[in-house]
């Protein structure tokens, strides 16, 4: 069986052993995540008939997709945390927060958000066409007919939007201009952007350690424990926020007796994580 030294985080031995260690070290956070995950999985099972032959709005349909994406991002976050891939888990937690903010906009301005999502889909198609055109332009044997076809599709899209390129969705604009999920964006979202999503000094610091012999930093490739409590707290917060919105949009409240107690437990865990957060205090 390959070891961590030969396969890194892909080592089956590492995956089989490290999660036990980290779950013991962060027992409260992982237990909280497991409980919220169970609540949401139970809820999905309880509403399946809503989407089978039921009459729901376009916004509620989109919200269903968003909530499932949010839940999968949450589960991916927890899986990566178990492996000690904390920075990478932060990136997934950020994706969960982004989806929670989108859900908030869907609830506040449902028709507008559905249309904006459609427009963004076209904007993404435009980016894809630009990429295809670029690859053809730098090809050793560019196909002029194919390039003309791509340009015609791009022009058709611009014409459909009054000669302008279709707009994408900027999560910061949603949060700041419409005050939807503003606290999520200005707090956890920005922290996780620096810690996990981008090649920042904060993220790169996780790859160094102080050498006790000569005081010089050295590279380290291994488990990152720093910030793991933050990531667990933020990801649970994103799930809780999106879960509440989704229930409201479906007008179908969860009937799980655990929710009230789990909300109180999350608030306590979140406050403790923020009070001792290395991502906030250790700059």
Foldseek 3Di string as FASTA:
>chain_A
DDDCVVVNLPDPVLLVPQLVVLCVVVVLLLVLLVVLLVLVVVVCVVCVVCPPPHDADPLLVVLVVLLVLLSVLLVVLSSCVSSLVNLQSLVSLLVSLLSLLLLQCCLVPVVVSVVQVVLQVQLVVLVVLVVVLVCLVPDPDRDPVVNVVSVVVNQVCCVVVVNDRGDHDDSVCSCPVVVGSVVLCVPSNVLSCQCHVDPHPNVCVQQWDADPPPRDIDGDRGRRPACSLVSSLSSSVSSVSSVVSSCVSSVHDRPDPCVVVSVVSSVVSNVVCVVPHCSPPVD
